[in-house]
Amino acid sequence: MASNGTDTHAPARPVAVDLFAGAGGLSLGAERAGFDVMAALEYDPIHAAAHAFNFPRTEVICANARDVSGAEVQNAIRASWKLHERPGKWNGKVDAVFGGPPCQGFSVGGVGKATDDRNEMVFEFSRLVGELKPRYFVMENVPGLQGYPDHEAEAEDGKRLIDRLIWQLEFVGYSVQAPTVLNAAFFGVPQDRRRLFLTGSLPDEEPPQTPSPWVRPVPKRRGDKPRKGYAGNPKADESLPIGPTVIDAIGDLPNPDDYDELWKADRVELDEGRVGRSDAEASMYARALRGQCVGLDDFSHPREWNRGTITSSMRTAHKLKPRQRMDKTTPGEFEAKSRLYRLDEWGLCPTLRAGSGYDRGSYTAPRPIHPNLPRVITVREAARLDSFPDWFRFHPTKWHGFRQVGNALPPYLGQAVAAEVIRSLGVGPIRPTDPISLGDPQLLKASMLEAAAHFDADTDSIPGNQLRARPDDEQREAA
């Protein structure tokens, strides 16, 4: 039976920690599976602030993982224990540690430099796992990690960095399963996004299984030959439902171009008629994200929020000629000059990318073109394509907001993996009924310096221009 953190046998949700948490995609996935994420570690103050807003009962540590000890994470769990209003004292046991160390150094979509200092963060994950001694751990990263060479191994041809990581995890007492790569599209996410998972357990625990697909994904675009397991392929499991499409994800959302308020703000209040039309137009996938229904597999804490408000929807100003080029671009193809991909409404979104952080030049990632409108998608539309619910808030600027979505593990994929850990723990997930309030809205509006000050975080590595920037400093982009 899983440890519930008390010395009694009263049922409670398993205790989890999220390392390198970002805005909280994996945290939300674990919560949906039935965990309470008690502590989260995140280096970026803007991401940490968004996490604190969306998970107000989670104690967030904003610091470089190199500077954080297991004891500090344990102190954060004790603080969160009170916020969760759990009885008694925490007994010091952690059921699971989740985490997604920085992947840009391993990513084929990024620079992929051997000298990237972020590559070594996977070993900070293994160190903290060894100090916290959870019953289980789950680490996610890009598939490129699996073949990445270990540049620290002297004169050992073929040695991979992941081999050293597995050895370190075994050294601190874990049985480590072979890495596996999962595509979010097989778990109800309308996005072709592949992630590598490394899981492990203490020797006396039952190892978690690899999750089975939830759906048969549609091809990326109409006319594509379906791959094995995809809808339309004779080798697909026809007992599974067909997965959601791009239009299933965003078709019910109002067009931000209809609201002048969204030139300067990322949110607008909708009238009852528009909310009603969206409710009527929503697919089953969108209904869950809109809060119209709660899935039988959703064990997350309900949030208090206003369904009549659309957020993370600031408009992007495109000049006339780029709009004309976008309008002429065939869905499923790249616009010739900007090389932006136009989504096919009946297909999947390609992998959403984050762009670079303030410590790597602050470059904006390419944003897909809307399937039916001559503009790039909004942060909210990207969040829908990544399986984030509408109550989940992001930083109001497009640059930070897209970074937060692009860096996040799709919550549905995180849930699928975390649910297997729940099964191995041998507990039935508990569904909370009392809604919790979201955090202080000022957390979302904070500048980098204000967010760092909120967490008393070290700002030495943050460039001065980012510390001084405020959300309303962002310029409108033109493709």
Protein backbone atom coordinates (compact mmCIF):
# COMPACT_ATOMS: atom_id res chain seq x y z
CA MET A 1 0.00 0.00 0.00
CA ALA A 2 1.30 3.44 -0.85
CA SER A 3 2.72 5.69 1.78
CA ASN A 4 0.24 8.49 2.43
CA GLY A 5 2.62 10.52 4.52
CA THR A 6 0.88 9.90 7.86
CA ASP A 7 1.18 7.21 10.51
CA THR A 8 -2.48 6.31 10.20
CA HIS A 9 -4.22 4.16 7.61
CA ALA A 10 -6.56 6.91 6.45
CA PRO A 11 -6.62 7.15 2.63
CA ALA A 12 -4.67 10.01 1.13
CA ARG A 13 -3.25 10.90 -2.24
CA PRO A 14 0.37 9.81 -2.85
CA VAL A 15 3.07 12.42 -2.33
CA ALA A 16 5.03 13.60 -5.39
CA VAL A 17 7.77 16.09 -6.25
CA ASP A 18 8.33 17.73 -9.65
CA LEU A 19 11.91 18.69 -10.51
CA PHE A 20 12.63 21.11 -13.39
CA ALA A 21 8.90 21.76 -13.27
CA GLY A 22 8.48 24.65 -15.70
CA ALA A 23 4.95 26.03 -15.67
CA GLY A 24 3.65 22.61 -14.63
CA GLY A 25 2.70 20.28 -17.49
CA LEU A 26 4.06 17.18 -15.76
CA SER A 27 2.79 18.42 -12.40
CA LEU A 28 -0.72 18.61 -13.84
CA GLY A 29 -0.38 15.19 -15.44
CA ALA A 30 0.67 13.67 -12.11
CA GLU A 31 -2.18 15.46 -10.33
CA ARG A 32 -4.70 14.18 -12.88
CA ALA A 33 -3.40 10.65 -12.21
CA GLY A 34 -4.04 11.03 -8.47
CA PHE A 35 -0.84 12.48 -6.96
CA ASP A 36 -0.51 15.57 -4.83
CA VAL A 37 2.57 17.44 -6.05
CA MET A 38 3.89 18.87 -2.80
CA ALA A 39 7.07 20.53 -4.03
CA ALA A 40 8.28 21.85 -7.37
CA LEU A 41 11.77 23.00 -8.33
CA GLU A 42 12.18 25.47 -11.20
CA TYR A 43 15.10 27.72 -12.11
CA ASP A 44 13.28 30.32 -14.27
CA PRO A 45 11.44 32.90 -12.11
CA ILE A 46 8.73 33.51 -14.74
CA HIS A 47 7.98 29.78 -15.04
CA ALA A 48 8.11 29.37 -11.26
CA ALA A 49 5.57 32.18 -10.84
CA ALA A 50 3.17 30.55 -13.31
CA HIS A 51 3.54 27.25 -11.46
CA ALA A 52 2.82 28.90 -8.14
CA PHE A 53 -0.30 30.55 -9.58
CA ASN A 54 -1.72 27.34 -11.06
CA PHE A 55 -0.74 25.09 -8.13
CA PRO A 56 -1.28 27.30 -5.07
CA ARG A 57 -0.87 24.41 -2.62
CA THR A 58 2.50 23.37 -4.05
CA GLU A 59 5.60 24.88 -2.48
CA VAL A 60 7.77 26.18 -5.33
CA ILE A 61 11.55 26.42 -5.02
CA CYS A 62 12.98 28.86 -7.57
CA ALA A 63 16.67 28.00 -7.81
CA ASN A 64 19.32 26.24 -9.87
CA ALA A 65 19.09 22.52 -9.13
CA ARG A 66 22.85 22.48 -8.47
CA ASP A 67 22.24 24.67 -5.43
CA VAL A 68 19.32 22.69 -3.96
CA SER A 69 19.60 19.80 -1.52
CA GLY A 70 17.17 17.02 -0.81
CA ALA A 71 16.69 18.49 2.66
CA GLU A 72 15.44 21.77 1.14
CA VAL A 73 12.93 19.86 -0.98
CA GLN A 74 11.77 18.00 2.14
CA ASN A 75 11.25 21.33 3.92
CA ALA A 76 9.13 22.46 0.96
CA ILE A 77 7.00 19.31 1.29
CA ARG A 78 6.43 20.07 4.97
CA ALA A 79 5.24 23.58 4.07
CA SER A 80 2.95 22.20 1.36
CA TRP A 81 1.60 19.62 3.79
CA LYS A 82 -0.04 22.44 5.73
CA LEU A 83 -1.39 24.06 2.55
CA HIS A 84 -3.03 20.74 1.65
CA GLU A 85 -4.53 20.71 5.15
CA ARG A 86 -3.37 17.17 5.79
CA PRO A 87 -3.61 15.89 9.37
CA GLY A 88 -0.60 15.17 11.53
CA LYS A 89 2.98 15.47 10.39
CA TRP A 90 4.58 14.24 7.19
CA ASN A 91 6.60 11.08 7.85
CA GLY A 92 9.36 11.99 5.41
CA LYS A 93 8.44 9.50 2.69
CA VAL A 94 8.03 10.46 -0.97
CA ASP A 95 6.04 8.21 -3.28
CA ALA A 96 7.33 9.57 -6.60
CA VAL A 97 9.73 12.10 -8.05
CA PHE A 98 8.94 13.38 -11.53
CA GLY A 99 11.08 15.66 -13.62
CA GLY A 100 12.10 16.90 -17.04
CA PRO A 101 15.67 18.25 -16.96
CA PRO A 102 16.54 20.78 -19.71
CA CYS A 103 16.53 19.05 -23.08
CA GLN A 104 17.84 21.71 -25.49
CA GLY A 105 21.35 20.25 -25.48
CA PHE A 106 20.03 16.88 -26.64
CA SER A 107 17.30 18.08 -28.98
CA VAL A 108 17.59 17.64 -32.74
CA GLY A 109 15.31 20.68 -32.99
CA GLY A 110 17.73 22.80 -30.99
CA VAL A 111 21.43 23.55 -31.07
CA GLY A 112 22.46 20.26 -29.53
CA LYS A 113 25.92 21.33 -28.36
CA ALA A 114 28.13 18.87 -26.52
CA THR A 115 29.39 21.75 -24.38
CA ASP A 116 25.88 22.86 -23.34
CA ASP A 117 26.05 22.99 -19.54
CA ARG A 118 22.37 22.05 -19.36
CA ASN A 119 23.30 18.52 -20.45
CA GLU A 120 24.63 17.81 -16.98
CA MET A 121 21.30 18.64 -15.29
CA VAL A 122 20.16 15.05 -15.74
CA PHE A 123 22.73 14.15 -13.08
CA GLU A 124 21.26 16.72 -10.70
CA PHE A 125 18.00 14.81 -11.15
CA SER A 126 19.69 11.55 -10.18
CA ARG A 127 21.41 13.22 -7.20
CA LEU A 128 18.13 14.55 -5.83
CA VAL A 129 16.43 11.21 -6.39
CA GLY A 130 19.18 9.62 -4.33
CA GLU A 131 18.73 12.17 -1.54
CA LEU A 132 14.92 12.04 -1.48
CA LYS A 133 14.68 8.24 -1.86
CA PRO A 134 11.19 8.11 -3.44
CA ARG A 135 9.58 4.76 -4.09
CA TYR A 136 9.47 5.63 -7.81
CA PHE A 137 10.95 8.16 -10.19
CA VAL A 138 9.98 9.25 -13.70
CA MET A 139 12.29 11.37 -15.85
CA GLU A 140 11.23 12.67 -19.25
CA ASN A 141 13.34 14.18 -22.01
CA VAL A 142 13.71 14.32 -25.78
CA PRO A 143 14.30 11.05 -27.68
CA GLY A 144 17.71 12.39 -28.73
CA LEU A 145 19.00 11.75 -25.20
CA GLN A 146 18.95 8.02 -25.92
CA GLY A 147 21.71 8.26 -28.52
CA TYR A 148 23.61 11.21 -27.11
CA PRO A 149 27.34 10.42 -26.59
CA ASP A 150 28.96 10.79 -23.19
CA HIS A 151 31.71 13.31 -23.75
CA GLU A 152 33.00 12.74 -20.22
CA ALA A 153 33.84 9.09 -20.97
CA GLU A 154 37.51 9.01 -21.87
CA ALA A 155 38.43 6.82 -24.85
CA GLU A 156 35.29 4.70 -24.54
CA ASP A 157 33.77 4.52 -27.99
CA GLY A 158 30.00 4.21 -28.07
CA LYS A 159 29.47 5.25 -24.45
CA ARG A 160 26.22 7.19 -24.06
CA LEU A 161 25.37 9.84 -21.52
CA ILE A 162 22.19 7.96 -20.63
CA ASP A 163 24.31 4.92 -19.68
CA ARG A 164 26.13 7.01 -17.08
CA LEU A 165 22.80 8.38 -15.85
CA ILE A 166 21.33 4.89 -15.45
CA TRP A 167 24.46 3.75 -13.64
CA GLN A 168 24.16 6.65 -11.19
CA LEU A 169 20.49 5.87 -10.54
CA GLU A 170 21.33 2.22 -9.94
CA PHE A 171 24.17 3.28 -7.66
CA VAL A 172 21.77 5.20 -5.41
CA GLY A 173 19.58 2.12 -5.09
CA TYR A 174 17.11 1.94 -7.98
CA SER A 175 16.02 -0.70 -10.43
CA VAL A 176 15.90 1.21 -13.71
CA GLN A 177 13.76 0.17 -16.64
CA ALA A 178 14.90 0.47 -20.24
CA PRO A 179 14.15 3.92 -21.71
CA THR A 180 10.97 4.12 -23.75
CA VAL A 181 9.75 6.72 -26.24
CA LEU A 182 6.06 7.66 -26.26
CA ASN A 183 4.14 9.91 -28.65
CA ALA A 184 1.60 12.22 -27.03
CA ALA A 185 -0.71 11.69 -30.01
CA PHE A 186 -1.44 8.15 -28.75
CA PHE A 187 -2.67 9.56 -25.44
CA GLY A 188 -5.36 11.93 -26.64
CA VAL A 189 -3.16 14.95 -27.50
CA PRO A 190 -3.66 16.40 -31.01
CA GLN A 191 0.09 16.94 -31.40
CA ASP A 192 2.84 14.80 -32.89
CA ARG A 193 5.20 15.04 -29.92
CA ARG A 194 7.60 12.25 -28.92
CA ARG A 195 9.23 12.11 -25.49
CA LEU A 196 11.63 9.69 -23.84
CA PHE A 197 10.80 8.33 -20.38
CA LEU A 198 13.17 6.76 -17.88
CA THR A 199 11.48 5.16 -14.88
CA GLY A 200 12.78 3.36 -11.84
CA SER A 201 11.72 1.94 -8.50
CA LEU A 202 13.22 0.77 -5.25
CA PRO A 203 14.12 -2.93 -5.44
CA ASP A 204 11.15 -4.13 -3.37
CA GLU A 205 8.58 -2.20 -5.43
CA GLU A 206 6.64 -3.44 -8.44
CA PRO A 207 8.04 -1.74 -11.58
CA PRO A 208 5.52 0.44 -13.43
CA GLN A 209 4.36 -0.70 -16.85
CA THR A 210 4.59 1.28 -20.08
CA PRO A 211 1.17 2.85 -20.64
CA SER A 212 -0.95 1.46 -23.46
CA PRO A 213 -2.29 3.88 -26.10
CA TRP A 214 -5.59 5.60 -25.38
CA VAL A 215 -6.46 6.48 -28.98
CA ARG A 216 -5.64 5.91 -32.65
CA PRO A 217 -4.11 9.23 -33.77
CA VAL A 218 -5.09 10.79 -37.07
CA PRO A 219 -2.28 11.44 -39.58
CA LYS A 220 -0.50 14.77 -39.37
CA ARG A 221 -2.33 16.03 -42.47
CA ARG A 222 -4.92 14.85 -44.94
CA GLY A 223 -3.47 12.61 -47.60
CA ASP A 224 -0.61 11.32 -45.44
CA LYS A 225 -0.20 7.55 -45.37
CA PRO A 226 -1.13 6.54 -41.81
CA ARG A 227 1.71 5.07 -39.81
CA LYS A 228 1.32 1.86 -37.84
CA GLY A 229 -1.21 2.38 -35.06
CA TYR A 230 -2.72 5.48 -36.66
CA ALA A 231 -6.34 5.77 -37.72
CA GLY A 232 -6.71 4.48 -41.28
CA ASN A 233 -3.80 2.04 -41.03
CA PRO A 234 -4.91 -1.63 -41.24
CA LYS A 235 -2.56 -2.44 -38.32
CA ALA A 236 -4.25 0.06 -36.00
CA ASP A 237 -6.16 -1.20 -32.98
CA GLU A 238 -9.73 -0.53 -34.05
CA SER A 239 -11.00 -1.04 -30.52
CA LEU A 240 -9.50 2.35 -29.63
CA PRO A 241 -11.32 5.61 -30.44
CA ILE A 242 -9.87 7.94 -33.03
CA GLY A 243 -7.85 10.71 -31.41
CA PRO A 244 -8.65 14.43 -31.52
CA THR A 245 -7.72 16.68 -34.43
CA VAL A 246 -6.51 20.27 -34.57
CA ILE A 247 -10.05 21.53 -35.13
CA ASP A 248 -11.32 19.41 -32.23
CA ALA A 249 -8.84 21.26 -30.04
CA ILE A 250 -9.39 24.87 -31.14
CA GLY A 251 -12.56 24.98 -33.24
CA ASP A 252 -14.77 26.25 -30.41
CA LEU A 253 -12.46 29.10 -29.38
CA PRO A 254 -13.53 32.62 -30.37
CA ASN A 255 -11.34 34.41 -32.90
CA PRO A 256 -9.17 36.92 -30.97
CA ASP A 257 -9.24 39.20 -34.02
CA ASP A 258 -12.85 39.98 -33.07
CA TYR A 259 -11.74 41.67 -29.82
CA ASP A 260 -9.77 44.91 -29.86
CA GLU A 261 -9.04 44.46 -26.14
CA LEU A 262 -6.65 41.65 -27.07
CA TRP A 263 -4.19 44.04 -28.68
CA LYS A 264 -2.99 45.13 -25.24
CA ALA A 265 -4.23 42.39 -22.92
CA ASP A 266 -4.29 38.60 -23.04
CA ARG A 267 -7.82 38.17 -21.69
CA VAL A 268 -11.35 39.27 -22.48
CA GLU A 269 -14.76 38.67 -20.96
CA LEU A 270 -17.18 36.88 -23.30
CA ASP A 271 -20.92 37.47 -23.32
CA GLU A 272 -23.29 34.64 -22.48
CA GLY A 273 -24.22 34.14 -26.12
CA ARG A 274 -20.60 33.58 -27.19
CA VAL A 275 -19.98 31.19 -24.29
CA GLY A 276 -23.11 29.27 -25.24
CA ARG A 277 -22.03 28.97 -28.89
CA SER A 278 -18.62 27.71 -27.84
CA ASP A 279 -20.23 25.18 -25.51
CA ALA A 280 -22.39 23.94 -28.38
CA GLU A 281 -19.49 23.83 -30.88
CA ALA A 282 -17.01 22.08 -28.58
CA SER A 283 -15.77 18.57 -29.32
CA MET A 284 -15.52 16.03 -26.53
CA TYR A 285 -11.83 16.88 -26.25
CA ALA A 286 -12.58 20.61 -25.97
CA ARG A 287 -15.48 20.05 -23.57
CA ALA A 288 -13.08 18.55 -21.03
CA LEU A 289 -10.60 21.42 -21.39
CA ARG A 290 -13.41 24.00 -21.20
CA GLY A 291 -14.60 22.53 -17.91
CA GLN A 292 -17.97 21.47 -19.32
CA CYS A 293 -17.41 17.92 -18.09
CA VAL A 294 -14.94 15.99 -15.93
CA GLY A 295 -13.45 12.80 -17.33
CA LEU A 296 -13.67 9.60 -15.32
CA ASP A 297 -9.87 9.42 -15.38
CA ASP A 298 -9.35 13.00 -14.12
CA PHE A 299 -8.38 12.99 -10.42
CA SER A 300 -7.07 16.56 -10.31
CA HIS A 301 -8.22 19.16 -7.82
CA PRO A 302 -11.00 21.26 -9.37
CA ARG A 303 -10.12 24.94 -9.72
CA GLU A 304 -12.30 27.98 -9.17
CA TRP A 305 -12.30 30.03 -12.37
CA ASN A 306 -14.59 31.94 -14.71
CA ARG A 307 -15.55 30.00 -17.84
CA GLY A 308 -16.73 33.25 -19.40
CA THR A 309 -13.20 34.61 -19.66
CA ILE A 310 -10.82 33.71 -22.48
CA THR A 311 -7.17 34.06 -21.47
CA SER A 312 -3.70 33.75 -23.06
CA SER A 313 -5.15 35.11 -26.31
CA MET A 314 -3.24 38.31 -27.09
CA ARG A 315 -3.37 39.15 -30.79
CA THR A 316 -0.39 39.20 -33.13
CA ALA A 317 -0.05 42.03 -35.66
CA HIS A 318 0.81 40.71 -39.13
CA LYS A 319 1.47 43.05 -42.04
CA LEU A 320 -0.72 42.75 -45.13
CA LYS A 321 1.68 40.81 -47.35
CA PRO A 322 2.49 38.14 -44.73
CA ARG A 323 -1.25 37.72 -44.11
CA GLN A 324 -1.82 37.27 -47.82
CA ARG A 325 0.93 34.65 -48.00
CA MET A 326 -0.53 32.82 -45.01
CA ASP A 327 -3.99 32.89 -46.57
CA LYS A 328 -2.67 31.26 -49.75
CA THR A 329 -0.71 28.56 -47.92
CA THR A 330 -2.28 25.13 -48.19
CA PRO A 331 -3.03 23.46 -44.83
CA GLY A 332 -0.34 20.91 -44.09
CA GLU A 333 2.32 22.90 -45.98
CA PHE A 334 4.95 25.52 -45.09
CA GLU A 335 4.51 29.18 -46.05
CA ALA A 336 7.25 29.76 -48.62
CA LYS A 337 8.96 32.85 -47.15
CA SER A 338 8.53 32.58 -43.37
CA ARG A 339 8.64 28.74 -43.39
CA LEU A 340 5.79 28.72 -40.89
CA TYR A 341 3.73 25.54 -41.00
CA ARG A 342 0.00 25.86 -41.63
CA LEU A 343 -2.00 23.46 -39.51
CA ASP A 344 -4.40 21.04 -41.16
CA GLU A 345 -7.65 21.21 -39.23
CA TRP A 346 -8.27 17.46 -39.65
CA GLY A 347 -4.72 16.46 -38.72
CA LEU A 348 -2.22 16.81 -35.90
CA CYS A 349 -0.17 19.77 -34.80
CA PRO A 350 3.61 19.28 -35.20
CA THR A 351 5.74 19.47 -32.07
CA LEU A 352 5.33 22.87 -30.46
CA ARG A 353 8.71 24.39 -29.70
CA ALA A 354 9.66 26.75 -26.90
CA GLY A 355 12.27 29.03 -28.41
CA SER A 356 15.28 30.01 -26.35
CA GLY A 357 15.25 31.41 -22.84
CA TYR A 358 16.69 34.70 -21.65
CA ASP A 359 19.99 32.90 -21.01
CA ARG A 360 20.24 31.77 -24.65
CA GLY A 361 19.30 34.88 -26.62
CA SER A 362 15.52 35.07 -26.14
CA TYR A 363 14.67 33.76 -29.61
CA THR A 364 11.02 33.14 -30.43
CA ALA A 365 10.12 29.69 -31.77
CA PRO A 366 8.19 29.46 -35.07
CA ARG A 367 4.46 29.43 -34.40
CA PRO A 368 2.12 27.44 -36.63
CA ILE A 369 -0.38 29.24 -38.83
CA HIS A 370 -4.04 28.79 -37.91
CA PRO A 371 -5.74 26.26 -40.23
CA ASN A 372 -8.52 28.64 -41.30
CA LEU A 373 -7.29 32.16 -40.54
CA PRO A 374 -4.30 34.16 -41.87
CA ARG A 375 -2.44 34.47 -38.56
CA VAL A 376 -0.29 32.44 -36.19
CA ILE A 377 -1.99 30.64 -33.33
CA THR A 378 -2.42 32.19 -29.89
CA VAL A 379 -0.92 30.90 -26.66
CA ARG A 380 -4.35 29.55 -25.67
CA GLU A 381 -4.67 27.69 -28.95
CA ALA A 382 -1.20 26.23 -28.42
CA ALA A 383 -2.21 25.23 -24.88
CA ARG A 384 -5.30 23.46 -26.24
CA LEU A 385 -3.08 21.58 -28.71
CA ASP A 386 -0.91 20.54 -25.74
CA SER A 387 -3.89 19.31 -23.59
CA PHE A 388 -3.87 22.15 -21.03
CA PRO A 389 -7.29 23.03 -19.58
CA ASP A 390 -8.63 26.55 -20.00
CA TRP A 391 -8.30 27.34 -16.28
CA PHE A 392 -4.52 26.99 -16.62
CA ARG A 393 -2.89 30.39 -17.00
CA PHE A 394 0.35 31.43 -18.66
CA HIS A 395 2.41 34.60 -18.67
CA PRO A 396 0.52 37.34 -20.56
CA THR A 397 3.30 38.01 -23.10
CA LYS A 398 3.41 35.79 -26.16
CA TRP A 399 7.14 35.09 -25.84
CA HIS A 400 6.95 33.83 -22.27
CA GLY A 401 3.58 32.14 -22.84
CA PHE A 402 4.77 30.13 -25.83
CA ARG A 403 7.97 29.24 -23.97
CA GLN A 404 5.87 27.85 -21.14
CA VAL A 405 3.70 25.74 -23.44
CA GLY A 406 6.60 24.60 -25.63
CA ASN A 407 8.73 23.57 -22.64
CA ALA A 408 5.88 21.67 -21.00
CA LEU A 409 5.16 17.98 -21.22
CA PRO A 410 1.58 17.58 -22.49
CA PRO A 411 -0.45 16.93 -19.32
CA TYR A 412 -2.35 14.00 -20.85
CA LEU A 413 0.92 12.23 -21.68
CA GLY A 414 2.24 12.90 -18.17
CA GLN A 415 -1.00 11.53 -16.75
CA ALA A 416 -0.69 8.29 -18.73
CA VAL A 417 2.79 7.62 -17.33
CA ALA A 418 1.94 8.75 -13.78
CA ALA A 419 -1.17 6.54 -13.75
CA GLU A 420 1.04 3.47 -14.20
CA VAL A 421 3.03 4.54 -11.13
CA ILE A 422 -0.25 4.87 -9.20
CA ARG A 423 -1.14 1.31 -10.22
CA SER A 424 2.24 0.04 -9.05
CA LEU A 425 1.75 1.82 -5.73
CA GLY A 426 -1.37 -0.30 -5.30
CA VAL A 427 -3.77 2.51 -4.47
CA GLY A 428 -7.01 3.63 -6.02
CA PRO A 429 -6.91 7.28 -7.09
CA ILE A 430 -8.96 9.65 -4.93
CA ARG A 431 -11.03 12.34 -6.67
CA PRO A 432 -11.11 15.67 -4.72
CA THR A 433 -14.44 17.45 -4.71
CA ASP A 434 -13.77 20.83 -3.11
CA PRO A 435 -12.48 23.39 -5.63
CA ILE A 436 -9.37 25.37 -4.79
CA SER A 437 -8.70 28.99 -5.69
CA LEU A 438 -5.93 29.84 -8.11
CA GLY A 439 -3.02 31.97 -6.92
CA ASP A 440 -2.34 35.68 -6.80
CA PRO A 441 -2.83 37.18 -10.32
CA GLN A 442 0.18 39.42 -9.70
CA LEU A 443 2.35 36.33 -10.12
CA LEU A 444 1.36 36.17 -13.79
CA LYS A 445 1.98 39.88 -14.36
CA ALA A 446 5.37 40.01 -12.67
CA SER A 447 8.51 41.04 -14.51
CA MET A 448 11.52 38.76 -14.27
CA LEU A 449 12.95 40.83 -11.43
CA GLU A 450 9.64 40.93 -9.54
CA ALA A 451 9.18 37.16 -9.92
CA ALA A 452 12.73 36.53 -8.73
CA ALA A 453 12.16 38.80 -5.73
CA HIS A 454 8.96 36.91 -4.86
CA PHE A 455 10.97 33.69 -4.50
CA ASP A 456 14.10 35.40 -3.15
CA ALA A 457 15.87 33.83 -6.14
CA ASP A 458 19.41 34.47 -7.32
CA THR A 459 19.41 36.80 -10.36
CA ASP A 460 23.14 36.80 -11.14
CA SER A 461 22.74 34.75 -14.35
CA ILE A 462 19.77 36.72 -15.71
CA PRO A 463 20.71 39.45 -18.24
CA GLY A 464 19.93 42.97 -17.08
CA ASN A 465 17.57 43.71 -19.98
CA GLN A 466 15.37 40.77 -18.95
CA LEU A 467 15.37 41.82 -15.32
CA ARG A 468 14.16 45.29 -16.29
CA ALA A 469 11.59 44.15 -18.88
CA ARG A 470 7.91 44.23 -18.05
CA PRO A 471 5.10 42.26 -19.73
CA ASP A 472 3.80 45.29 -21.61
CA ASP A 473 7.26 45.92 -23.12
CA GLU A 474 6.73 43.15 -25.69
CA GLN A 475 6.46 44.43 -29.24
CA ARG A 476 3.90 43.19 -31.72
CA GLU A 477 5.43 40.74 -34.15
CA ALA A 478 5.13 40.68 -37.93
CA ALA A 479 5.76 37.37 -39.67
